[in-house]
Amino acid sequence: MMRILQAISAWLAKWTPLFISLVAVGTYFVPGVAVLGLACIVGGVVSAHGESIVKSGALIFVGVFLHNSLGYVLGYLSGVAARFTQPKRRTISIEVGMQNAGLATVLAGKHFPAMPEAAVASAVSCVWHSVSGALLAGVFNAADALVGRKVSAEND
């Protein structure tokens, strides 16, 4: 048994630096790959159901905007209620507001094949969540710059 543990230990010692390097390289590329994947999903839905988006466009956009905004506000307020620090409240706000609309798009298309328009709202939501989440993060950064506050990991 001791020999097995020594062999595992030697193998880990040899390959761990390589694994850590691969993870570091992967973290650089993975966000871009995720964005491309989401763009393909949304592009497919929009190209297949563009007419539905045009017909019910304003209603879908209003619904997505309200759902997203309510998520941001309720996420922030839940952080306040839990007495989290400002950075944690902001993180919760963005995470709750940006629910996984990409997954919803795929699930709607798969489980409601007789109603292909079900995926349209999710596709619109994917795009809006990406834009609004980035805008909200920018607002938070601008608010910090205005106040002259430096938010760091030490405040957690």
C-alpha atoms as a PDB file:
ATOM      1  CA  MET A   1       0.000   0.000   0.000  1.00  0.00           C
ATOM      2  CA  MET A   2       2.827   2.364   0.820  1.00  0.00           C
ATOM      3  CA  ARG A   3       4.357   1.830  -2.633  1.00  0.00           C
ATOM      4  CA  ILE A   4       1.043   2.786  -4.270  1.00  0.00           C
ATOM      5  CA  LEU A   5       0.860   5.991  -2.267  1.00  0.00           C
ATOM      6  CA  GLN A   6       4.466   6.796  -3.165  1.00  0.00           C
ATOM      7  CA  ALA A   7       3.738   6.190  -6.846  1.00  0.00           C
ATOM      8  CA  ILE A   8       0.656   8.420  -6.757  1.00  0.00           C
ATOM      9  CA  SER A   9       2.597  11.089  -4.908  1.00  0.00           C
ATOM     10  CA  ALA A  10       5.448  10.977  -7.444  1.00  0.00           C
ATOM     11  CA  TRP A  11       2.994  11.124 -10.361  1.00  0.00           C
ATOM     12  CA  LEU A  12       1.166  14.131  -8.862  1.00  0.00           C
ATOM     13  CA  ALA A  13       4.461  15.909  -8.166  1.00  0.00           C
ATOM     14  CA  LYS A  14       5.532  15.380 -11.776  1.00  0.00           C
ATOM     15  CA  TRP A  15       2.281  16.372 -13.512  1.00  0.00           C
ATOM     16  CA  THR A  16       0.771  19.033 -11.213  1.00  0.00           C
ATOM     17  CA  PRO A  17       2.739  21.971 -12.682  1.00  0.00           C
ATOM     18  CA  LEU A  18       1.613  20.976 -16.169  1.00  0.00           C
ATOM     19  CA  PHE A  19      -1.995  20.667 -15.009  1.00  0.00           C
ATOM     20  CA  ILE A  20      -1.848  24.094 -13.341  1.00  0.00           C
ATOM     21  CA  SER A  21      -0.425  25.587 -16.560  1.00  0.00           C
ATOM     22  CA  LEU A  22      -3.204  24.030 -18.631  1.00  0.00           C
ATOM     23  CA  VAL A  23      -5.842  25.387 -16.265  1.00  0.00           C
ATOM     24  CA  ALA A  24      -4.303  28.861 -16.489  1.00  0.00           C
ATOM     25  CA  VAL A  25      -4.380  28.729 -20.294  1.00  0.00           C
ATOM     26  CA  GLY A  26      -7.927  27.350 -20.247  1.00  0.00           C
ATOM     27  CA  THR A  27      -9.237  30.143 -18.042  1.00  0.00           C
ATOM     28  CA  TYR A  28      -8.018  32.593 -20.653  1.00  0.00           C
ATOM     29  CA  PHE A  29      -9.921  30.948 -23.535  1.00  0.00           C
ATOM     30  CA  VAL A  30     -13.040  29.477 -21.893  1.00  0.00           C
ATOM     31  CA  PRO A  31     -15.040  32.740 -21.589  1.00  0.00           C
ATOM     32  CA  GLY A  32     -14.653  33.380 -25.309  1.00  0.00           C
ATOM     33  CA  VAL A  33     -15.696  29.839 -26.167  1.00  0.00           C
ATOM     34  CA  ALA A  34     -18.762  30.216 -23.925  1.00  0.00           C
ATOM     35  CA  VAL A  35     -19.762  33.464 -25.632  1.00  0.00           C
ATOM     36  CA  LEU A  36     -19.382  31.885 -29.078  1.00  0.00           C
ATOM     37  CA  GLY A  37     -21.499  28.902 -28.013  1.00  0.00           C
ATOM     38  CA  LEU A  38     -24.219  31.165 -26.661  1.00  0.00           C
ATOM     39  CA  ALA A  39     -24.129  33.263 -29.827  1.00  0.00           C
ATOM     40  CA  CYS A  40     -24.639  30.125 -31.918  1.00  0.00           C
ATOM     41  CA  ILE A  41     -27.620  29.013 -29.818  1.00  0.00           C
ATOM     42  CA  VAL A  42     -29.250  32.441 -29.904  1.00  0.00           C
ATOM     43  CA  GLY A  43     -28.447  32.905 -33.590  1.00  0.00           C
ATOM     44  CA  GLY A  44     -30.106  29.600 -34.420  1.00  0.00           C
ATOM     45  CA  VAL A  45     -33.281  30.485 -32.554  1.00  0.00           C
ATOM     46  CA  VAL A  46     -33.441  33.984 -34.003  1.00  0.00           C
ATOM     47  CA  SER A  47     -32.874  32.776 -37.557  1.00  0.00           C
ATOM     48  CA  ALA A  48     -35.533  30.100 -37.203  1.00  0.00           C
ATOM     49  CA  HIS A  49     -38.117  32.292 -35.464  1.00  0.00           C
ATOM     50  CA  GLY A  50     -37.290  35.838 -36.540  1.00  0.00           C
ATOM     51  CA  GLU A  51     -40.864  36.412 -37.680  1.00  0.00           C
ATOM     52  CA  SER A  52     -42.184  35.574 -34.198  1.00  0.00           C
ATOM     53  CA  ILE A  53     -39.788  38.086 -32.674  1.00  0.00           C
ATOM     54  CA  VAL A  54     -41.023  40.797 -35.017  1.00  0.00           C
ATOM     55  CA  LYS A  55     -44.702  39.985 -34.340  1.00  0.00           C
ATOM     56  CA  SER A  56     -44.469  39.977 -30.564  1.00  0.00           C
ATOM     57  CA  GLY A  57     -41.255  41.950 -30.179  1.00  0.00           C
ATOM     58  CA  ALA A  58     -42.313  44.756 -27.833  1.00  0.00           C
ATOM     59  CA  LEU A  59     -44.129  42.414 -25.465  1.00  0.00           C
ATOM     60  CA  ILE A  60     -41.177  40.029 -25.280  1.00  0.00           C
ATOM     61  CA  PHE A  61     -38.683  42.848 -24.704  1.00  0.00           C
ATOM     62  CA  VAL A  62     -40.790  44.422 -21.956  1.00  0.00           C
ATOM     63  CA  GLY A  63     -41.228  41.065 -20.222  1.00  0.00           C
ATOM     64  CA  VAL A  64     -37.522  40.237 -20.422  1.00  0.00           C
ATOM     65  CA  PHE A  65     -36.547  43.725 -19.208  1.00  0.00           C
ATOM     66  CA  LEU A  66     -38.905  43.549 -16.217  1.00  0.00           C
ATOM     67  CA  HIS A  67     -37.851  40.008 -15.295  1.00  0.00           C
ATOM     68  CA  ASN A  68     -34.178  40.930 -15.512  1.00  0.00           C
ATOM     69  CA  SER A  69     -34.528  44.196 -13.586  1.00  0.00           C
ATOM     70  CA  LEU A  70     -36.540  42.524 -10.851  1.00  0.00           C
ATOM     71  CA  GLY A  71     -33.814  39.888 -10.559  1.00  0.00           C
ATOM     72  CA  TYR A  72     -31.133  42.552 -10.102  1.00  0.00           C
ATOM     73  CA  VAL A  73     -33.134  44.395  -7.448  1.00  0.00           C
ATOM     74  CA  LEU A  74     -34.208  41.290  -5.522  1.00  0.00           C
ATOM     75  CA  GLY A  75     -30.680  39.879  -5.680  1.00  0.00           C
ATOM     76  CA  TYR A  76     -29.257  43.073  -4.223  1.00  0.00           C
ATOM     77  CA  LEU A  77     -31.942  43.278  -1.538  1.00  0.00           C
ATOM     78  CA  SER A  78     -31.340  39.665  -0.516  1.00  0.00           C
ATOM     79  CA  GLY A  79     -27.687  40.575   0.020  1.00  0.00           C
ATOM     80  CA  VAL A  80     -28.765  43.543   2.142  1.00  0.00           C
ATOM     81  CA  ALA A  81     -31.109  41.319   4.167  1.00  0.00           C
ATOM     82  CA  ALA A  82     -28.280  38.830   4.733  1.00  0.00           C
ATOM     83  CA  ARG A  83     -25.997  41.718   5.791  1.00  0.00           C
ATOM     84  CA  PHE A  84     -23.389  40.962   3.142  1.00  0.00           C
ATOM     85  CA  THR A  85     -20.681  43.436   2.200  1.00  0.00           C
ATOM     86  CA  GLN A  86     -21.203  45.759  -0.758  1.00  0.00           C
ATOM     87  CA  PRO A  87     -19.095  43.661  -3.190  1.00  0.00           C
ATOM     88  CA  LYS A  88     -21.011  40.503  -2.267  1.00  0.00           C
ATOM     89  CA  ARG A  89     -24.371  42.272  -2.651  1.00  0.00           C
ATOM     90  CA  ARG A  90     -23.364  43.437  -6.105  1.00  0.00           C
ATOM     91  CA  THR A  91     -22.227  39.968  -7.091  1.00  0.00           C
ATOM     92  CA  ILE A  92     -25.491  38.411  -5.921  1.00  0.00           C
ATOM     93  CA  SER A  93     -27.432  41.101  -7.760  1.00  0.00           C
ATOM     94  CA  ILE A  94     -25.717  40.334 -11.058  1.00  0.00           C
ATOM     95  CA  GLU A  95     -25.888  36.558 -10.581  1.00  0.00           C
ATOM     96  CA  VAL A  96     -29.608  36.580  -9.778  1.00  0.00           C
ATOM     97  CA  GLY A  97     -30.383  39.037 -12.562  1.00  0.00           C
ATOM     98  CA  MET A  98     -28.498  37.031 -15.164  1.00  0.00           C
ATOM     99  CA  GLN A  99     -30.205  33.675 -14.903  1.00  0.00           C
ATOM    100  CA  ASN A 100     -29.232  30.992 -17.372  1.00  0.00           C
ATOM    101  CA  ALA A 101     -31.291  32.039 -20.361  1.00  0.00           C
ATOM    102  CA  GLY A 102     -29.089  29.982 -22.704  1.00  0.00           C
ATOM    103  CA  LEU A 103     -30.158  26.810 -20.949  1.00  0.00           C
ATOM    104  CA  ALA A 104     -33.770  27.976 -21.049  1.00  0.00           C
ATOM    105  CA  THR A 105     -33.492  28.446 -24.816  1.00  0.00           C
ATOM    106  CA  VAL A 106     -32.291  24.884 -25.362  1.00  0.00           C
ATOM    107  CA  LEU A 107     -34.817  23.378 -22.930  1.00  0.00           C
ATOM    108  CA  ALA A 108     -37.722  25.303 -24.442  1.00  0.00           C
ATOM    109  CA  GLY A 109     -36.793  24.107 -27.920  1.00  0.00           C
ATOM    110  CA  LYS A 110     -36.404  20.507 -26.779  1.00  0.00           C
ATOM    111  CA  HIS A 111     -39.420  20.112 -24.496  1.00  0.00           C
ATOM    112  CA  PHE A 112     -41.904  22.265 -26.405  1.00  0.00           C
ATOM    113  CA  PRO A 113     -41.317  21.224 -30.023  1.00  0.00           C
ATOM    114  CA  ALA A 114     -44.949  21.957 -30.919  1.00  0.00           C
ATOM    115  CA  MET A 115     -44.453  25.543 -29.719  1.00  0.00           C
ATOM    116  CA  PRO A 116     -41.137  26.666 -31.228  1.00  0.00           C
ATOM    117  CA  GLU A 117     -41.882  30.268 -30.244  1.00  0.00           C
ATOM    118  CA  ALA A 118     -41.291  29.247 -26.616  1.00  0.00           C
ATOM    119  CA  ALA A 119     -37.554  29.549 -27.251  1.00  0.00           C
ATOM    120  CA  VAL A 120     -37.846  33.090 -28.612  1.00  0.00           C
ATOM    121  CA  ALA A 121     -38.223  34.825 -25.244  1.00  0.00           C
ATOM    122  CA  SER A 122     -35.263  32.884 -23.876  1.00  0.00           C
ATOM    123  CA  ALA A 123     -33.128  33.839 -26.867  1.00  0.00           C
ATOM    124  CA  VAL A 124     -33.982  37.521 -26.433  1.00  0.00           C
ATOM    125  CA  SER A 125     -33.282  37.111 -22.733  1.00  0.00           C
ATOM    126  CA  CYS A 126     -29.802  35.698 -23.465  1.00  0.00           C
ATOM    127  CA  VAL A 127     -28.821  38.780 -25.362  1.00  0.00           C
ATOM    128  CA  TRP A 128     -30.375  41.251 -22.929  1.00  0.00           C
ATOM    129  CA  HIS A 129     -28.904  39.572 -19.838  1.00  0.00           C
ATOM    130  CA  SER A 130     -25.430  39.748 -21.337  1.00  0.00           C
ATOM    131  CA  VAL A 131     -25.802  43.429 -22.187  1.00  0.00           C
ATOM    132  CA  SER A 132     -27.539  44.501 -18.984  1.00  0.00           C
ATOM    133  CA  GLY A 133     -25.154  42.560 -16.727  1.00  0.00           C
ATOM    134  CA  ALA A 134     -22.169  44.290 -18.293  1.00  0.00           C
ATOM    135  CA  LEU A 135     -23.913  47.647 -18.003  1.00  0.00           C
ATOM    136  CA  LEU A 136     -24.741  47.077 -14.335  1.00  0.00           C
ATOM    137  CA  ALA A 137     -21.137  46.087 -13.587  1.00  0.00           C
ATOM    138  CA  GLY A 138     -20.060  49.306 -15.309  1.00  0.00           C
ATOM    139  CA  VAL A 139     -22.505  51.315 -13.197  1.00  0.00           C
ATOM    140  CA  PHE A 140     -21.106  49.725 -10.040  1.00  0.00           C
ATOM    141  CA  ASN A 141     -17.540  50.577 -11.126  1.00  0.00           C
ATOM    142  CA  ALA A 142     -18.527  54.146 -11.986  1.00  0.00           C
ATOM    143  CA  ALA A 143     -20.224  54.534  -8.605  1.00  0.00           C
ATOM    144  CA  ASP A 144     -17.030  53.391  -6.891  1.00  0.00           C
ATOM    145  CA  ALA A 145     -14.950  55.819  -8.933  1.00  0.00           C
ATOM    146  CA  LEU A 146     -17.333  58.668  -8.109  1.00  0.00           C
ATOM    147  CA  VAL A 147     -17.165  57.989  -4.413  1.00  0.00           C
ATOM    148  CA  GLY A 148     -13.426  57.368  -4.596  1.00  0.00           C
ATOM    149  CA  ARG A 149     -13.801  54.016  -2.961  1.00  0.00           C
ATOM    150  CA  LYS A 150     -11.483  51.169  -3.773  1.00  0.00           C
ATOM    151  CA  VAL A 151     -13.195  47.795  -3.484  1.00  0.00           C
ATOM    152  CA  SER A 152     -10.821  44.939  -2.832  1.00  0.00           C
ATOM    153  CA  ALA A 153     -10.905  41.319  -1.765  1.00  0.00           C
ATOM    154  CA  GLU A 154      -9.986  42.454   1.747  1.00  0.00           C
ATOM    155  CA  ASN A 155     -13.480  43.967   2.146  1.00  0.00           C
ATOM    156  CA  ASP A 156     -15.069  40.538   1.869  1.00  0.00           C
END
